[in-house]
N, C-alpha and C. Protein backbone atom coordinates (compact mmCIF):
# COMPACT_ATOMS: atom_id res chain seq x y z
N MET A 1 48.25 17.11 40.73
CA MET A 1 47.29 17.90 41.52
C MET A 1 47.12 17.54 42.88
N ILE A 2 47.18 18.32 43.80
CA ILE A 2 47.14 17.85 45.38
C ILE A 2 45.63 18.24 45.39
N ASP A 3 44.86 17.57 46.59
CA ASP A 3 43.85 16.89 46.92
C ASP A 3 44.12 17.66 48.31
N LEU A 4 43.11 18.66 48.67
CA LEU A 4 43.61 19.60 50.06
C LEU A 4 42.55 19.21 50.87
N TYR A 5 42.05 18.51 51.50
CA TYR A 5 41.15 18.47 52.59
C TYR A 5 41.64 19.36 53.92
N TYR A 6 40.56 20.47 53.95
CA TYR A 6 40.52 21.81 54.67
C TYR A 6 39.94 22.52 55.39
N ALA A 7 40.18 23.08 56.73
CA ALA A 7 39.22 24.20 57.10
C ALA A 7 40.19 25.38 57.27
N PRO A 8 39.01 26.17 57.65
CA PRO A 8 40.21 27.92 58.05
C PRO A 8 40.51 27.55 59.05
N THR A 9 41.72 26.75 59.92
CA THR A 9 42.63 26.82 60.43
C THR A 9 43.76 27.47 60.82
N PRO A 10 44.30 27.54 61.75
CA PRO A 10 45.99 27.34 61.76
C PRO A 10 46.33 26.45 60.97
N ASN A 11 46.34 25.40 61.38
CA ASN A 11 46.84 23.75 60.76
C ASN A 11 46.20 23.93 58.99
N GLY A 12 45.39 24.45 58.83
CA GLY A 12 45.06 24.23 57.55
C GLY A 12 45.73 25.36 56.66
N HIS A 13 45.50 26.66 57.37
CA HIS A 13 46.18 27.27 56.43
C HIS A 13 47.74 27.40 56.37
N LYS A 14 48.16 26.89 57.27
CA LYS A 14 49.80 26.12 56.60
C LYS A 14 50.09 25.72 55.47
N ILE A 15 48.85 24.72 55.09
CA ILE A 15 49.08 23.63 53.64
C ILE A 15 48.71 24.69 52.73
N THR A 16 47.86 25.50 52.56
CA THR A 16 47.79 26.45 51.66
C THR A 16 48.92 27.35 51.29
N LEU A 17 49.49 28.12 52.69
CA LEU A 17 50.73 28.81 52.41
C LEU A 17 51.71 27.86 51.77
N PHE A 18 52.13 26.92 51.88
CA PHE A 18 53.01 25.90 51.30
C PHE A 18 52.33 26.10 49.75
N LEU A 19 51.33 25.35 49.59
CA LEU A 19 50.84 25.49 47.81
C LEU A 19 51.05 26.35 47.07
N GLU A 20 50.68 27.94 47.84
CA GLU A 20 50.68 29.32 46.92
C GLU A 20 52.14 29.19 46.91
N GLU A 21 52.97 29.58 47.77
CA GLU A 21 54.65 29.96 47.86
C GLU A 21 55.03 28.67 46.53
N ALA A 22 54.50 27.32 46.40
CA ALA A 22 55.42 26.59 45.73
C ALA A 22 54.63 26.54 44.11
N GLY A 23 53.80 27.41 44.03
CA GLY A 23 52.76 26.65 42.79
C GLY A 23 52.64 25.60 42.33
N LEU A 24 51.86 24.87 43.22
CA LEU A 24 51.59 23.64 43.06
C LEU A 24 49.99 24.07 42.64
N PRO A 25 49.21 22.93 41.67
CA PRO A 25 48.32 23.20 41.32
C PRO A 25 47.90 22.56 42.71
N TYR A 26 46.13 23.02 42.73
CA TYR A 26 45.44 21.96 44.14
C TYR A 26 43.93 22.53 44.01
N HIS A 27 43.32 21.58 44.59
CA HIS A 27 41.80 21.71 44.94
C HIS A 27 41.37 21.09 46.44
N ILE A 28 40.04 22.81 46.88
CA ILE A 28 39.87 22.29 48.05
C ILE A 28 38.92 21.67 48.28
N HIS A 29 38.99 20.96 49.37
CA HIS A 29 37.73 19.77 49.63
C HIS A 29 37.79 20.61 51.00
N ARG A 30 36.37 21.28 51.55
CA ARG A 30 36.17 22.21 52.54
C ARG A 30 35.49 20.69 53.47
N ILE A 31 36.21 20.72 54.25
CA ILE A 31 35.69 19.88 55.72
C ILE A 31 34.94 20.75 56.82
N ASP A 32 33.88 20.96 57.17
CA ASP A 32 33.16 21.35 57.70
C ASP A 32 32.98 20.57 59.25
N ILE A 33 33.92 21.33 60.22
CA ILE A 33 34.21 20.64 61.37
C ILE A 33 32.94 20.81 61.99
N GLY A 34 32.22 21.73 62.30
CA GLY A 34 30.89 21.88 63.18
C GLY A 34 30.21 20.92 62.74
N ALA A 35 30.01 20.42 61.12
CA ALA A 35 28.84 19.72 61.12
C ALA A 35 29.58 17.93 60.99
N GLY A 36 30.45 17.62 61.56
CA GLY A 36 31.08 16.80 61.66
C GLY A 36 31.42 15.49 60.29
N ASP A 37 31.78 16.61 59.45
CA ASP A 37 32.29 16.19 58.67
C ASP A 37 34.02 15.09 58.40
N GLN A 38 34.72 15.70 59.69
CA GLN A 38 36.13 15.31 59.89
C GLN A 38 35.48 13.77 60.58
N PHE A 39 34.41 13.13 60.70
CA PHE A 39 34.06 11.74 61.27
C PHE A 39 33.14 10.75 59.66
N LYS A 40 33.15 11.02 59.31
CA LYS A 40 32.81 10.38 57.68
C LYS A 40 33.54 9.74 57.35
N PRO A 41 33.38 8.24 56.96
CA PRO A 41 34.10 7.33 56.53
C PRO A 41 35.04 7.83 55.55
N GLU A 42 34.90 8.67 54.76
CA GLU A 42 35.44 8.98 53.39
C GLU A 42 36.46 9.70 53.90
N PHE A 43 36.40 10.30 54.86
CA PHE A 43 37.49 11.35 55.49
C PHE A 43 38.41 10.72 56.17
N LEU A 44 38.08 9.65 57.02
CA LEU A 44 38.84 8.97 58.08
C LEU A 44 39.73 8.07 57.24
N ALA A 45 39.52 7.80 56.26
CA ALA A 45 40.29 6.84 55.21
C ALA A 45 41.29 7.59 54.83
N ILE A 46 41.70 8.86 54.95
CA ILE A 46 42.48 9.68 54.37
C ILE A 46 43.39 10.11 55.81
N SER A 47 42.19 10.46 56.96
CA SER A 47 42.77 11.54 58.27
C SER A 47 42.28 10.34 58.94
N PRO A 48 43.00 9.20 59.56
CA PRO A 48 42.60 8.34 60.47
C PRO A 48 42.32 9.22 61.88
N ASN A 49 43.00 10.36 62.43
CA ASN A 49 42.89 10.77 63.62
C ASN A 49 41.64 12.21 63.24
N ASN A 50 40.96 11.93 62.47
CA ASN A 50 40.07 12.92 62.08
C ASN A 50 40.11 14.40 62.50
N LYS A 51 41.37 15.01 62.14
CA LYS A 51 41.57 16.24 62.26
C LYS A 51 42.08 16.78 60.76
N ILE A 52 41.81 17.80 60.62
CA ILE A 52 42.79 18.42 59.26
C ILE A 52 43.36 19.28 59.61
N PRO A 53 44.52 19.37 58.37
CA PRO A 53 44.88 19.20 56.89
C PRO A 53 45.14 17.68 56.62
N ALA A 54 44.50 17.61 55.92
CA ALA A 54 45.13 16.13 54.72
C ALA A 54 45.05 16.41 53.60
N ILE A 55 46.17 16.03 52.99
CA ILE A 55 46.13 15.59 51.65
C ILE A 55 46.10 14.52 50.59
N VAL A 56 45.49 14.50 49.43
CA VAL A 56 46.22 13.12 48.56
C VAL A 56 46.75 13.88 47.09
N ASP A 57 47.91 13.45 47.21
CA ASP A 57 48.90 13.81 45.68
C ASP A 57 48.26 12.76 44.91
N GLN A 58 47.66 13.14 43.55
CA GLN A 58 47.19 12.30 42.79
C GLN A 58 48.35 12.19 41.87
N GLN A 59 49.62 12.88 41.98
CA GLN A 59 50.91 12.19 41.10
C GLN A 59 52.03 12.40 41.90
N PRO A 60 51.56 11.64 42.74
CA PRO A 60 53.39 11.57 43.40
C PRO A 60 54.84 10.93 42.70
N VAL A 61 56.12 11.31 42.78
CA VAL A 61 56.98 11.55 41.83
C VAL A 61 57.33 10.18 41.78
N ASP A 62 56.87 9.14 42.55
CA ASP A 62 57.27 7.62 42.21
C ASP A 62 56.50 7.21 41.12
N GLY A 63 55.69 7.99 40.80
CA GLY A 63 54.71 7.60 39.61
C GLY A 63 53.68 6.44 39.70
N GLY A 64 53.35 6.07 41.22
CA GLY A 64 52.87 5.36 41.35
C GLY A 64 51.37 5.80 42.04
N LYS A 65 50.18 5.02 42.37
CA LYS A 65 48.94 5.23 42.78
C LYS A 65 49.47 6.70 43.94
N PRO A 66 48.23 7.57 43.63
CA PRO A 66 47.82 8.32 44.65
C PRO A 66 48.22 8.10 46.23
N ILE A 67 48.83 9.47 47.07
CA ILE A 67 49.14 8.60 48.05
C ILE A 67 48.97 9.86 49.07
N ALA A 68 48.15 9.61 49.82
CA ALA A 68 47.35 10.51 51.14
C ALA A 68 47.98 10.33 52.66
N ILE A 69 48.09 11.62 53.04
CA ILE A 69 49.14 12.23 54.27
C ILE A 69 48.11 12.87 54.96
N PHE A 70 48.51 12.70 56.27
CA PHE A 70 47.62 13.24 57.17
C PHE A 70 48.83 13.95 58.19
N GLU A 71 48.59 15.05 58.98
CA GLU A 71 49.07 15.32 60.29
C GLU A 71 50.25 16.60 59.43
N SER A 72 50.17 18.14 59.67
CA SER A 72 50.38 19.28 59.22
C SER A 72 52.45 18.74 58.80
N GLY A 73 53.00 18.63 59.80
CA GLY A 73 54.13 18.44 59.90
C GLY A 73 55.08 17.71 58.44
N ALA A 74 54.27 16.41 59.07
CA ALA A 74 54.23 15.37 57.59
C ALA A 74 53.93 16.01 56.21
N ILE A 75 53.05 16.64 56.10
CA ILE A 75 52.71 17.00 54.70
C ILE A 75 53.68 18.09 54.54
N LEU A 76 54.25 19.12 55.24
CA LEU A 76 54.82 20.02 54.86
C LEU A 76 56.20 19.42 54.29
N THR A 77 56.52 18.48 55.20
CA THR A 77 57.91 17.77 54.80
C THR A 77 57.55 16.95 53.64
N TYR A 78 56.64 16.48 52.99
CA TYR A 78 56.22 15.63 51.83
C TYR A 78 56.58 16.69 51.14
N LEU A 79 55.51 17.90 51.04
CA LEU A 79 55.46 18.57 49.81
C LEU A 79 56.89 19.38 49.73
N ALA A 80 57.61 19.77 50.60
CA ALA A 80 58.94 20.47 50.12
C ALA A 80 60.06 19.48 49.71
N GLU A 81 59.88 18.08 50.30
CA GLU A 81 60.71 17.12 49.28
C GLU A 81 60.28 16.92 48.00
N LYS A 82 59.13 16.58 47.51
CA LYS A 82 58.25 16.34 46.61
C LYS A 82 59.07 17.67 45.57
N THR A 83 58.90 18.89 45.89
CA THR A 83 58.94 20.24 44.84
C THR A 83 60.34 20.81 45.18
N GLY A 84 61.06 20.02 45.95
CA GLY A 84 62.82 21.18 46.47
C GLY A 84 62.69 22.05 46.81
N LYS A 85 61.70 22.53 47.18
CA LYS A 85 61.17 24.12 48.08
C LYS A 85 61.02 23.98 48.91
N LEU A 86 61.16 24.97 50.07
CA LEU A 86 61.45 25.64 50.96
C LEU A 86 62.14 24.64 52.55
N LEU A 87 62.66 24.51 51.77
CA LEU A 87 63.42 23.30 52.72
C LEU A 87 65.02 23.15 51.96
N SER A 88 65.73 24.29 53.24
CA SER A 88 66.99 24.02 52.21
C SER A 88 68.08 22.70 52.23
N LYS A 89 68.62 22.29 51.00
CA LYS A 89 69.70 21.71 51.02
C LYS A 89 70.73 21.44 51.54
N ASP A 90 70.91 22.63 52.40
CA ASP A 90 72.44 22.91 53.25
C ASP A 90 71.79 21.94 54.29
N MET A 91 72.70 21.30 55.00
CA MET A 91 72.38 20.10 55.70
C MET A 91 72.30 20.79 57.30
N ARG A 92 72.67 21.67 57.47
CA ARG A 92 73.09 22.42 58.84
C ARG A 92 71.43 23.29 59.02
N GLU A 93 71.26 23.94 57.80
CA GLU A 93 70.28 25.03 57.90
C GLU A 93 68.79 24.00 57.65
N ARG A 94 69.15 22.88 57.07
CA ARG A 94 67.86 21.69 56.68
C ARG A 94 67.45 21.51 58.36
N ILE A 95 67.94 21.31 58.64
CA ILE A 95 68.02 20.21 60.20
C ILE A 95 67.68 21.40 61.07
N GLN A 96 68.17 22.57 61.02
CA GLN A 96 67.39 23.61 61.90
C GLN A 96 65.99 24.05 61.68
N SER A 97 65.48 24.07 60.14
CA SER A 97 64.30 24.03 59.93
C SER A 97 63.33 23.14 60.66
N LEU A 98 64.10 21.69 60.24
CA LEU A 98 63.17 20.86 60.53
C LEU A 98 63.11 20.63 62.70
N GLN A 99 64.18 21.47 63.14
CA GLN A 99 63.87 21.26 64.43
C GLN A 99 62.84 22.40 64.97
N TRP A 100 62.47 23.21 64.11
CA TRP A 100 61.64 24.24 64.70
C TRP A 100 60.56 23.89 64.35
N LEU A 101 60.18 22.99 62.95
CA LEU A 101 58.83 22.66 62.51
C LEU A 101 58.81 21.89 63.45
N PHE A 102 59.29 20.88 64.30
CA PHE A 102 58.63 19.82 65.08
C PHE A 102 58.61 20.78 66.70
N TRP A 103 59.70 21.67 66.90
CA TRP A 103 59.13 22.15 67.67
C TRP A 103 57.73 22.91 67.99
N GLN A 104 57.03 23.53 66.79
CA GLN A 104 55.96 24.24 66.26
C GLN A 104 54.84 22.51 66.09
N VAL A 105 54.66 21.71 65.59
CA VAL A 105 53.93 20.74 65.63
C VAL A 105 53.96 20.18 67.18
N GLY A 106 54.75 20.17 67.86
CA GLY A 106 54.83 19.17 69.40
C GLY A 106 54.40 20.19 70.43
N GLY A 107 54.77 21.48 70.12
CA GLY A 107 54.82 22.35 71.59
C GLY A 107 53.86 23.54 71.05
N PHE A 108 54.20 24.51 70.38
CA PHE A 108 53.86 26.10 69.94
C PHE A 108 52.21 25.93 69.84
N GLY A 109 51.77 24.53 68.74
CA GLY A 109 50.71 24.85 68.34
C GLY A 109 49.75 24.29 69.40
N PRO A 110 50.00 22.71 69.66
CA PRO A 110 49.14 22.83 71.05
C PRO A 110 48.58 23.61 72.31
N MET A 111 49.81 24.51 72.74
CA MET A 111 49.74 25.22 73.81
C MET A 111 48.92 26.45 73.66
N LEU A 112 49.20 26.97 71.88
CA LEU A 112 48.37 27.85 71.88
C LEU A 112 46.79 27.34 71.52
N GLY A 113 46.94 26.36 71.19
CA GLY A 113 45.33 25.75 71.22
C GLY A 113 44.77 25.74 72.31
N GLN A 114 45.22 25.27 73.29
CA GLN A 114 44.74 25.32 74.85
C GLN A 114 44.56 26.33 75.09
N ASN A 115 45.35 27.37 74.97
CA ASN A 115 45.20 28.94 75.45
C ASN A 115 43.77 29.22 74.60
N HIS A 116 43.43 29.05 73.13
CA HIS A 116 42.62 29.44 72.63
C HIS A 116 40.96 28.99 73.35
N HIS A 117 41.33 27.31 73.73
CA HIS A 117 40.01 26.79 74.34
C HIS A 117 39.60 27.02 75.47
N PHE A 118 40.80 27.51 76.52
CA PHE A 118 40.26 28.14 78.07
C PHE A 118 40.03 29.36 78.02
N SER A 119 40.52 29.81 77.00
CA SER A 119 40.28 31.40 77.17
C SER A 119 38.39 31.91 76.51
N HIS A 120 38.56 30.89 75.44
CA HIS A 120 37.14 31.62 74.68
C HIS A 120 36.24 30.12 74.34
N PHE A 121 36.71 29.10 74.47
CA PHE A 121 35.60 28.21 74.17
C PHE A 121 35.02 27.24 75.35
N ALA A 122 35.71 27.14 76.06
CA ALA A 122 35.38 26.19 77.40
C ALA A 122 34.12 26.38 77.84
N PRO A 123 33.14 25.88 78.31
CA PRO A 123 31.88 25.85 78.98
C PRO A 123 31.99 26.30 80.25
N GLU A 124 33.12 26.53 80.98
CA GLU A 124 33.21 27.28 82.24
C GLU A 124 34.91 28.11 82.17
N LYS A 125 34.66 29.18 82.99
CA LYS A 125 35.86 29.61 82.82
C LYS A 125 36.67 28.76 84.31
N VAL A 126 37.93 28.15 84.19
CA VAL A 126 38.86 27.79 85.11
C VAL A 126 40.01 28.71 85.05
N PRO A 127 40.28 29.61 86.35
CA PRO A 127 41.30 30.30 86.45
C PRO A 127 42.73 29.58 85.89
N TYR A 128 42.97 28.22 86.89
CA TYR A 128 44.02 27.73 86.82
C TYR A 128 44.74 27.36 85.57
N ALA A 129 43.88 27.06 84.58
CA ALA A 129 43.94 26.43 83.11
C ALA A 129 43.98 27.61 82.41
N ILE A 130 43.50 28.77 82.41
CA ILE A 130 43.84 29.74 81.69
C ILE A 130 45.03 30.41 82.29
N ASN A 131 45.69 30.91 83.51
CA ASN A 131 47.08 31.21 83.74
C ASN A 131 47.94 30.18 83.24
N ARG A 132 47.83 28.84 83.47
CA ARG A 132 48.44 27.83 82.86
C ARG A 132 49.40 27.99 81.31
N TYR A 133 48.32 28.39 80.68
CA TYR A 133 48.07 28.27 79.42
C TYR A 133 49.03 29.64 78.76
N GLN A 134 48.40 30.91 79.24
CA GLN A 134 48.79 32.14 79.00
C GLN A 134 50.14 32.06 79.07
N GLU A 135 50.57 31.60 80.56
CA GLU A 135 52.13 31.95 80.52
C GLU A 135 52.90 31.07 79.58
N GLU A 136 52.20 29.79 79.53
CA GLU A 136 53.00 28.72 78.56
C GLU A 136 53.06 29.41 77.44
N THR A 137 52.11 30.36 76.92
CA THR A 137 52.29 31.02 75.80
C THR A 137 52.60 32.26 75.51
N LYS A 138 53.26 32.95 76.71
CA LYS A 138 54.26 33.84 77.03
C LYS A 138 55.57 33.35 76.67
N ARG A 139 55.52 32.19 77.47
CA ARG A 139 57.14 31.47 77.71
C ARG A 139 57.62 31.08 75.81
N LEU A 140 56.73 30.55 75.15
CA LEU A 140 56.79 29.70 73.66
C LEU A 140 57.18 31.33 72.85
N TYR A 141 56.49 32.00 73.17
CA TYR A 141 56.76 33.39 72.08
C TYR A 141 58.09 34.30 72.55
N GLN A 142 58.46 33.71 73.64
CA GLN A 142 59.68 34.53 73.93
C GLN A 142 60.85 33.56 73.84
N VAL A 143 60.73 31.82 73.77
CA VAL A 143 61.52 31.36 72.72
C VAL A 143 61.40 31.58 71.51
N LEU A 144 60.59 31.59 70.35
CA LEU A 144 60.72 32.44 69.33
C LEU A 144 61.22 33.59 69.00
N ASN A 145 61.42 34.57 70.08
CA ASN A 145 61.71 35.92 69.82
C ASN A 145 63.25 35.79 69.91
N THR A 146 63.44 35.04 70.93
CA THR A 146 64.87 34.59 70.72
C THR A 146 65.63 34.09 69.38
N GLN A 147 64.97 32.89 69.02
CA GLN A 147 65.22 32.51 67.73
C GLN A 147 65.69 33.69 66.55
N LEU A 148 64.59 34.43 66.41
CA LEU A 148 64.72 35.63 65.57
C LEU A 148 65.48 36.56 65.61
N GLU A 149 65.53 36.62 67.20
CA GLU A 149 66.77 37.92 67.12
C GLU A 149 68.46 37.23 66.59
N LYS A 150 68.31 36.15 66.25
CA LYS A 150 69.79 35.50 65.66
C LYS A 150 69.70 35.19 63.91
N THR A 151 68.57 35.16 63.71
CA THR A 151 68.06 34.85 61.78
C THR A 151 67.12 35.19 61.85
N PRO A 152 66.81 35.67 60.29
CA PRO A 152 65.51 36.51 60.09
C PRO A 152 64.38 35.60 60.12
N TYR A 153 64.95 34.30 59.56
CA TYR A 153 63.99 33.10 59.81
C TYR A 153 63.93 31.96 60.59
N LEU A 154 63.27 30.76 60.95
CA LEU A 154 63.42 30.27 61.61
C LEU A 154 64.63 28.97 61.53
N GLY A 155 64.55 29.01 60.31
CA GLY A 155 65.94 28.02 59.62
C GLY A 155 67.02 28.68 59.26
N GLY A 156 67.21 30.09 59.13
CA GLY A 156 68.43 30.69 59.23
C GLY A 156 68.19 31.93 58.01
N GLN A 157 68.72 32.12 57.36
CA GLN A 157 68.51 32.53 56.01
C GLN A 157 67.54 32.88 55.26
N GLU A 158 66.76 31.45 55.20
CA GLU A 158 65.99 31.25 54.27
C GLU A 158 64.17 30.87 54.96
N TYR A 159 63.73 31.67 53.88
CA TYR A 159 61.89 31.25 54.00
C TYR A 159 62.05 29.69 54.12
N SER A 160 60.78 29.17 55.24
CA SER A 160 61.33 27.57 55.00
C SER A 160 59.88 27.16 55.70
N ILE A 161 59.61 25.77 55.57
CA ILE A 161 58.22 25.03 56.33
C ILE A 161 58.15 25.72 57.53
N ALA A 162 59.35 25.90 58.27
CA ALA A 162 59.06 25.67 59.89
C ALA A 162 58.45 27.30 59.84
N ASP A 163 58.94 28.39 59.32
CA ASP A 163 58.30 29.40 59.36
C ASP A 163 56.96 29.53 58.97
N ILE A 164 56.32 28.85 57.71
CA ILE A 164 55.29 28.19 57.04
C ILE A 164 54.38 27.78 58.56
N SER A 165 54.90 26.61 59.48
CA SER A 165 53.95 26.10 59.99
C SER A 165 53.83 26.60 61.34
N THR A 166 54.52 28.02 61.81
CA THR A 166 54.77 28.58 62.95
C THR A 166 53.88 30.24 62.83
N TYR A 167 53.74 30.47 61.53
CA TYR A 167 53.34 31.91 61.19
C TYR A 167 51.46 31.76 61.38
N PRO A 168 50.99 30.82 60.89
CA PRO A 168 49.30 31.09 61.30
C PRO A 168 49.02 30.84 62.55
N TRP A 169 49.52 30.20 63.68
CA TRP A 169 49.52 30.41 64.87
C TRP A 169 50.29 32.03 65.60
N VAL A 170 50.68 32.10 65.06
CA VAL A 170 51.14 33.53 65.39
C VAL A 170 49.84 34.56 65.01
N ARG A 171 49.70 34.25 63.72
CA ARG A 171 48.25 35.27 63.31
C ARG A 171 47.23 35.68 64.30
N ALA A 172 46.96 34.33 65.06
CA ALA A 172 45.83 35.04 66.31
C ALA A 172 46.28 35.17 67.57
N TYR A 173 47.54 36.18 67.57
CA TYR A 173 48.28 36.65 68.91
C TYR A 173 47.03 37.48 69.71
N GLU A 174 46.02 37.91 69.47
CA GLU A 174 45.11 38.85 69.89
C GLU A 174 43.79 37.94 70.59
N ARG A 175 43.99 36.91 69.85
CA ARG A 175 42.95 35.86 70.86
C ARG A 175 44.04 35.15 71.87
N GLN A 176 45.30 35.52 71.88
CA GLN A 176 45.97 34.52 72.81
C GLN A 176 46.36 36.02 74.34
N ASN A 177 45.83 36.80 73.72
CA ASN A 177 46.16 37.95 74.82
C ASN A 177 47.76 38.18 74.67
N ILE A 178 48.45 38.25 73.67
CA ILE A 178 49.73 38.69 73.40
C ILE A 178 49.76 40.01 72.34
N ASP A 179 50.60 40.86 73.34
CA ASP A 179 51.11 42.02 72.52
C ASP A 179 52.56 41.82 71.48
N LEU A 180 52.44 41.69 70.25
CA LEU A 180 53.66 41.24 69.47
C LEU A 180 54.53 42.45 70.05
N ASN A 181 53.98 43.69 70.33
CA ASN A 181 55.35 44.51 70.44
C ASN A 181 56.10 44.12 71.60
N ASP A 182 55.81 43.15 72.61
CA ASP A 182 56.77 42.60 73.52
C ASP A 182 57.55 41.73 73.16
N TYR A 183 57.54 41.28 71.58
CA TYR A 183 58.37 40.37 71.32
C TYR A 183 58.94 41.09 69.67
N PRO A 184 60.14 42.06 69.60
CA PRO A 184 60.04 42.93 68.57
C PRO A 184 60.57 42.10 67.33
N ALA A 185 61.01 40.94 67.65
CA ALA A 185 61.78 40.26 66.73
C ALA A 185 60.57 39.47 66.22
N VAL A 186 60.05 38.55 66.64
CA VAL A 186 58.80 38.35 66.10
C VAL A 186 57.78 38.84 65.17
N LYS A 187 57.42 39.96 65.70
CA LYS A 187 56.92 40.97 64.75
C LYS A 187 57.20 41.58 63.58
N LYS A 188 59.01 41.68 63.75
CA LYS A 188 59.23 41.94 62.64
C LYS A 188 59.03 40.69 61.43
N TRP A 189 59.28 39.57 61.78
CA TRP A 189 59.38 38.26 61.14
C TRP A 189 57.84 38.51 60.87
N PHE A 190 56.53 38.29 61.62
CA PHE A 190 55.49 38.18 61.19
C PHE A 190 54.96 39.45 60.06
N ASP A 191 55.73 40.45 60.11
CA ASP A 191 55.06 41.64 59.16
C ASP A 191 55.48 41.35 57.95
N ALA A 192 56.71 40.94 58.11
CA ALA A 192 57.91 40.11 56.56
C ALA A 192 56.64 39.51 55.64
N ILE A 193 56.54 38.42 57.09
CA ILE A 193 55.54 37.07 56.47
C ILE A 193 53.84 37.56 55.51
N SER A 194 53.47 38.13 56.55
CA SER A 194 52.21 38.98 56.07
C SER A 194 52.10 39.47 54.63
N GLN A 195 53.31 39.97 54.21
CA GLN A 195 52.95 40.99 53.09
C GLN A 195 53.88 40.09 52.23
N ARG A 196 54.10 38.96 52.32
CA ARG A 196 54.19 37.75 51.28
C ARG A 196 53.10 37.67 50.08
N PRO A 197 52.82 38.19 49.08
CA PRO A 197 51.87 37.77 47.97
C PRO A 197 51.25 36.28 47.91
N ALA A 198 51.90 35.29 48.32
CA ALA A 198 51.27 33.71 48.62
C ALA A 198 50.74 33.73 49.66
N THR A 199 50.91 34.83 50.61
CA THR A 199 50.16 34.78 52.39
C THR A 199 49.00 35.18 51.69
N GLN A 200 49.19 36.23 51.32
CA GLN A 200 47.61 36.83 51.42
C GLN A 200 46.96 36.43 50.27
N ILE A 201 47.38 35.19 49.08
CA ILE A 201 46.68 34.75 48.48
C ILE A 201 45.67 33.48 49.21
N ALA A 202 46.59 32.81 49.68
CA ALA A 202 46.31 31.73 50.97
C ALA A 202 45.24 32.01 52.00
N TYR A 203 45.51 33.50 52.54
CA TYR A 203 44.37 33.51 53.17
C TYR A 203 42.84 34.06 52.73
N SER A 204 43.17 34.95 51.43
CA SER A 204 41.68 35.26 50.50
C SER A 204 40.90 34.20 50.25
N LYS A 205 41.53 32.64 50.42
CA LYS A 205 40.85 31.63 50.07
C LYS A 205 40.16 30.73 51.58
N ALA A 206 40.34 31.91 52.98
CA ALA A 206 39.87 31.15 54.05
C ALA A 206 38.23 30.96 53.55
């Protein structure tokens, strides 16, 4: 059993997407970010950076005591290795998937998050910041589109944790002032993932 500490954000959805695809049993512990649940000592003991998602695997493969993991990229890698799913065993495709996973957690997510913040949540409108992150968002979508023109999924021929990590951020494209029709390979990829049964189940738990 996986205990998932979760809120319905792009980073939270990454983990439900994986768990539904892999068929792993899990229990959601909802973290109310608006109420400050992320700062409670019991949550900080699991996720010291006070961010969701985090998991506790009650049955790790080494048979030892439960293991707590924070950071979405680390969680996805751990779960892929635990289950042997959604991360290719072929060396080249595995490395390709991991590269794009790190691209998402290091750039795509943070930059789009800044886009969301300055466009929708900042207490004052800062035109420079809005334009900066909007332009960077467009650049990153073009990087994504260029890769998906080459292969159906980010790692190659197989759906992987790289796609699972990236999809929830693309799902918010309208809030990013992005027209997916400008990125046809991304749109094709996005539509295919949206139709997966596991995706639909994961988002029904929002």
